[in-house]
C-alpha atoms as a PDB file:
ATOM      1  CA  UNK A   1     -12.958  24.162  -3.472  1.00  0.00           C
ATOM      2  CA  UNK A   2      -9.231  23.131  -3.087  1.00  0.00           C
ATOM      3  CA  UNK A   3      -8.137  19.512  -3.530  1.00  0.00           C
ATOM      4  CA  UNK A   4      -4.693  18.945  -1.982  1.00  0.00           C
ATOM      5  CA  UNK A   5      -2.901  16.003  -3.193  1.00  0.00           C
ATOM      6  CA  UNK A   6       0.624  14.307  -2.880  1.00  0.00           C
ATOM      7  CA  UNK A   7       2.097  11.693  -5.167  1.00  0.00           C
ATOM      8  CA  UNK A   8       4.438   8.869  -4.169  1.00  0.00           C
ATOM      9  CA  UNK A   9       6.254   5.778  -5.604  1.00  0.00           C
ATOM     10  CA  UNK A  10       6.152   3.087  -2.808  1.00  0.00           C
ATOM     11  CA  UNK A  11       7.610   0.201  -4.830  1.00  0.00           C
ATOM     12  CA  UNK A  12       9.721   1.040  -7.984  1.00  0.00           C
ATOM     13  CA  UNK A  13      10.084  -2.088 -10.318  1.00  0.00           C
ATOM     14  CA  UNK A  14      10.824  -4.177  -7.024  1.00  0.00           C
ATOM     15  CA  UNK A  15      11.736  -7.887  -7.978  1.00  0.00           C
ATOM     16  CA  UNK A  16      11.856  -9.352  -4.474  1.00  0.00           C
ATOM     17  CA  UNK A  17       9.781 -10.138  -1.373  1.00  0.00           C
ATOM     18  CA  UNK A  18       9.607  -7.193   0.937  1.00  0.00           C
ATOM     19  CA  UNK A  19       8.125  -3.800   1.841  1.00  0.00           C
ATOM     20  CA  UNK A  20       8.325  -0.590  -0.009  1.00  0.00           C
ATOM     21  CA  UNK A  21       8.922   2.865   1.527  1.00  0.00           C
ATOM     22  CA  UNK A  22       6.173   3.834   4.135  1.00  0.00           C
ATOM     23  CA  UNK A  23       4.566   7.079   3.465  1.00  0.00           C
ATOM     24  CA  UNK A  24       2.930   9.476   6.023  1.00  0.00           C
ATOM     25  CA  UNK A  25      -0.787   9.877   5.053  1.00  0.00           C
ATOM     26  CA  UNK A  26      -2.264  11.545   8.045  1.00  0.00           C
ATOM     27  CA  UNK A  27      -3.242  14.675   6.363  1.00  0.00           C
ATOM     28  CA  UNK A  28      -5.155  12.720   3.521  1.00  0.00           C
ATOM     29  CA  UNK A  29      -8.423  10.775   3.660  1.00  0.00           C
ATOM     30  CA  UNK A  30      -7.894   8.589   0.550  1.00  0.00           C
ATOM     31  CA  UNK A  31      -5.372   7.097  -1.602  1.00  0.00           C
ATOM     32  CA  UNK A  32      -5.512   6.244  -5.158  1.00  0.00           C
ATOM     33  CA  UNK A  33      -3.146   3.385  -5.814  1.00  0.00           C
ATOM     34  CA  UNK A  34      -1.884   1.953  -9.201  1.00  0.00           C
ATOM     35  CA  UNK A  35      -0.234  -1.395  -9.336  1.00  0.00           C
ATOM     36  CA  UNK A  36       1.541  -2.342 -12.475  1.00  0.00           C
ATOM     37  CA  UNK A  37       3.688  -5.405 -13.058  1.00  0.00           C
ATOM     38  CA  UNK A  38       6.225  -6.555 -15.831  1.00  0.00           C
ATOM     39  CA  UNK A  39       8.232  -9.493 -16.699  1.00  0.00           C
ATOM     40  CA  UNK A  40       5.508 -12.086 -16.219  1.00  0.00           C
ATOM     41  CA  UNK A  41       4.974 -11.199 -12.692  1.00  0.00           C
ATOM     42  CA  UNK A  42       4.153 -13.995 -10.197  1.00  0.00           C
ATOM     43  CA  UNK A  43       3.566 -12.731  -6.575  1.00  0.00           C
ATOM     44  CA  UNK A  44       1.181 -11.077  -4.297  1.00  0.00           C
ATOM     45  CA  UNK A  45       1.226  -7.482  -2.987  1.00  0.00           C
ATOM     46  CA  UNK A  46      -0.766  -6.310   0.196  1.00  0.00           C
ATOM     47  CA  UNK A  47      -1.444  -2.841   1.528  1.00  0.00           C
ATOM     48  CA  UNK A  48      -0.463  -2.076   5.157  1.00  0.00           C
ATOM     49  CA  UNK A  49      -1.437   0.733   7.464  1.00  0.00           C
ATOM     50  CA  UNK A  50      -0.852   2.218  10.954  1.00  0.00           C
ATOM     51  CA  UNK A  51      -2.249   4.980  13.215  1.00  0.00           C
ATOM     52  CA  UNK A  52       1.215   5.251  14.985  1.00  0.00           C
ATOM     53  CA  UNK A  53       4.948   4.827  14.863  1.00  0.00           C
ATOM     54  CA  UNK A  54       6.861   2.703  17.300  1.00  0.00           C
ATOM     55  CA  UNK A  55       5.130   4.439  20.163  1.00  0.00           C
ATOM     56  CA  UNK A  56       2.427   7.127  20.561  1.00  0.00           C
ATOM     57  CA  UNK A  57       4.764   9.992  20.835  1.00  0.00           C
ATOM     58  CA  UNK A  58       6.916   8.940  17.893  1.00  0.00           C
ATOM     59  CA  UNK A  59       6.517  10.548  14.558  1.00  0.00           C
ATOM     60  CA  UNK A  60       8.387   7.750  12.926  1.00  0.00           C
ATOM     61  CA  UNK A  61       6.671   4.954  10.783  1.00  0.00           C
ATOM     62  CA  UNK A  62       6.170   1.544  12.456  1.00  0.00           C
ATOM     63  CA  UNK A  63       8.438  -1.162  11.188  1.00  0.00           C
ATOM     64  CA  UNK A  64       6.344  -2.961   8.769  1.00  0.00           C
ATOM     65  CA  UNK A  65       9.048  -5.379   8.250  1.00  0.00           C
ATOM     66  CA  UNK A  66       8.462  -7.174  11.514  1.00  0.00           C
ATOM     67  CA  UNK A  67       5.250  -8.553  13.348  1.00  0.00           C
ATOM     68  CA  UNK A  68       2.678  -6.282  14.586  1.00  0.00           C
ATOM     69  CA  UNK A  69       3.313  -5.787  18.476  1.00  0.00           C
ATOM     70  CA  UNK A  70       1.682  -3.436  20.911  1.00  0.00           C
ATOM     71  CA  UNK A  71       4.516  -0.878  20.342  1.00  0.00           C
ATOM     72  CA  UNK A  72       4.801  -1.527  16.567  1.00  0.00           C
ATOM     73  CA  UNK A  73       1.257  -1.519  15.548  1.00  0.00           C
ATOM     74  CA  UNK A  74       0.047  -2.194  11.967  1.00  0.00           C
ATOM     75  CA  UNK A  75      -2.356  -4.117   9.987  1.00  0.00           C
ATOM     76  CA  UNK A  76      -3.346  -5.121   6.436  1.00  0.00           C
ATOM     77  CA  UNK A  77      -5.708  -2.694   4.704  1.00  0.00           C
ATOM     78  CA  UNK A  78      -8.595  -3.449   2.381  1.00  0.00           C
ATOM     79  CA  UNK A  79      -8.725  -1.615  -1.136  1.00  0.00           C
ATOM     80  CA  UNK A  80     -11.499  -1.228  -3.616  1.00  0.00           C
ATOM     81  CA  UNK A  81     -10.868  -1.950  -7.363  1.00  0.00           C
ATOM     82  CA  UNK A  82     -11.875   1.067  -9.633  1.00  0.00           C
ATOM     83  CA  UNK A  83     -12.490  -1.610 -12.405  1.00  0.00           C
ATOM     84  CA  UNK A  84     -15.577  -3.328 -10.723  1.00  0.00           C
ATOM     85  CA  UNK A  85     -16.091  -1.989  -7.235  1.00  0.00           C
ATOM     86  CA  UNK A  86     -14.848  -5.206  -5.766  1.00  0.00           C
ATOM     87  CA  UNK A  87     -13.065  -5.481  -2.464  1.00  0.00           C
ATOM     88  CA  UNK A  88      -9.528  -6.517  -2.318  1.00  0.00           C
ATOM     89  CA  UNK A  89      -9.156  -7.918   1.305  1.00  0.00           C
ATOM     90  CA  UNK A  90      -5.961  -6.865   3.101  1.00  0.00           C
ATOM     91  CA  UNK A  91      -5.011 -10.343   3.923  1.00  0.00           C
ATOM     92  CA  UNK A  92      -5.442 -11.658   0.370  1.00  0.00           C
ATOM     93  CA  UNK A  93      -3.885  -8.615  -1.430  1.00  0.00           C
ATOM     94  CA  UNK A  94      -3.496  -8.389  -5.213  1.00  0.00           C
ATOM     95  CA  UNK A  95      -2.132 -11.293  -7.024  1.00  0.00           C
ATOM     96  CA  UNK A  96      -0.227 -11.562 -10.231  1.00  0.00           C
ATOM     97  CA  UNK A  97      -0.040 -15.122 -11.612  1.00  0.00           C
ATOM     98  CA  UNK A  98       2.368 -14.989 -14.585  1.00  0.00           C
ATOM     99  CA  UNK A  99       0.204 -12.517 -16.500  1.00  0.00           C
ATOM    100  CA  UNK A 100       1.245  -8.798 -15.916  1.00  0.00           C
ATOM    101  CA  UNK A 101      -1.403  -6.608 -14.346  1.00  0.00           C
ATOM    102  CA  UNK A 102      -2.379  -2.949 -14.268  1.00  0.00           C
ATOM    103  CA  UNK A 103      -4.831  -2.036 -11.671  1.00  0.00           C
ATOM    104  CA  UNK A 104      -6.184   1.141 -10.032  1.00  0.00           C
ATOM    105  CA  UNK A 105      -7.653   1.053  -6.561  1.00  0.00           C
ATOM    106  CA  UNK A 106      -8.678   3.063  -3.676  1.00  0.00           C
ATOM    107  CA  UNK A 107      -7.645   2.901  -0.056  1.00  0.00           C
ATOM    108  CA  UNK A 108      -9.428   4.651   2.650  1.00  0.00           C
ATOM    109  CA  UNK A 109      -6.700   6.236   4.632  1.00  0.00           C
ATOM    110  CA  UNK A 110      -9.000   8.346   6.953  1.00  0.00           C
ATOM    111  CA  UNK A 111      -7.476   8.254  10.273  1.00  0.00           C
ATOM    112  CA  UNK A 112      -4.187   6.436   9.213  1.00  0.00           C
ATOM    113  CA  UNK A 113      -0.775   7.984   9.760  1.00  0.00           C
ATOM    114  CA  UNK A 114       1.276   5.512   7.752  1.00  0.00           C
ATOM    115  CA  UNK A 115       0.741   3.253   4.707  1.00  0.00           C
ATOM    116  CA  UNK A 116       3.115   0.945   2.912  1.00  0.00           C
ATOM    117  CA  UNK A 117       2.978  -2.232   0.499  1.00  0.00           C
ATOM    118  CA  UNK A 118       4.406  -5.559   0.998  1.00  0.00           C
ATOM    119  CA  UNK A 119       5.423  -8.160  -1.885  1.00  0.00           C
ATOM    120  CA  UNK A 120       4.863 -11.727  -0.898  1.00  0.00           C
ATOM    121  CA  UNK A 121       5.193 -15.166  -2.392  1.00  0.00           C
ATOM    122  CA  UNK A 122       7.618 -13.767  -4.959  1.00  0.00           C
ATOM    123  CA  UNK A 123       8.427 -16.044  -7.795  1.00  0.00           C
ATOM    124  CA  UNK A 124       9.147 -13.782 -10.788  1.00  0.00           C
ATOM    125  CA  UNK A 125       8.595 -10.126 -12.349  1.00  0.00           C
ATOM    126  CA  UNK A 126       8.563  -6.696 -11.045  1.00  0.00           C
ATOM    127  CA  UNK A 127       6.164  -4.424  -9.509  1.00  0.00           C
ATOM    128  CA  UNK A 128       5.611  -0.628  -9.283  1.00  0.00           C
ATOM    129  CA  UNK A 129       3.061   0.822  -6.866  1.00  0.00           C
ATOM    130  CA  UNK A 130       2.265   4.599  -7.100  1.00  0.00           C
ATOM    131  CA  UNK A 131      -0.022   6.393  -4.758  1.00  0.00           C
ATOM    132  CA  UNK A 132      -1.929   9.757  -5.053  1.00  0.00           C
ATOM    133  CA  UNK A 133      -3.002  10.978  -1.570  1.00  0.00           C
ATOM    134  CA  UNK A 134      -6.061  13.165  -1.688  1.00  0.00           C
ATOM    135  CA  UNK A 135      -7.819  15.279   1.020  1.00  0.00           C
ATOM    136  CA  UNK A 136     -11.298  15.505  -0.702  1.00  0.00           C
ATOM    137  CA  UNK A 137     -11.792  19.157   0.446  1.00  0.00           C
END
């Protein structure tokens, strides 16, 4: 039984509001996500996903930095916390409120083509988001 995986760093000690590097996840069903903050982090990070690029024929990622439109479709994605099985709603995200965090979560990427992460409400600190894509074969 094979288990194909791929690892990515989407945010690497980011210290500002904004998106990371979008990754193509279409060959994988799940993503294990680690979120680690430093320097008394105070912000929120949200997961985003899409089934297409800027049009149905495109292989390019959607522009996660702009509003979702009919030709640039994406939405916020729910994750499940490994610590207690609780849902982290996409619109809520994971918040650091002055105390650094280290979280491991799972994102269902089945059917998605692209994922990215967005730092919002930034006040202080740094964030690193790493993703392990799994096909569960």
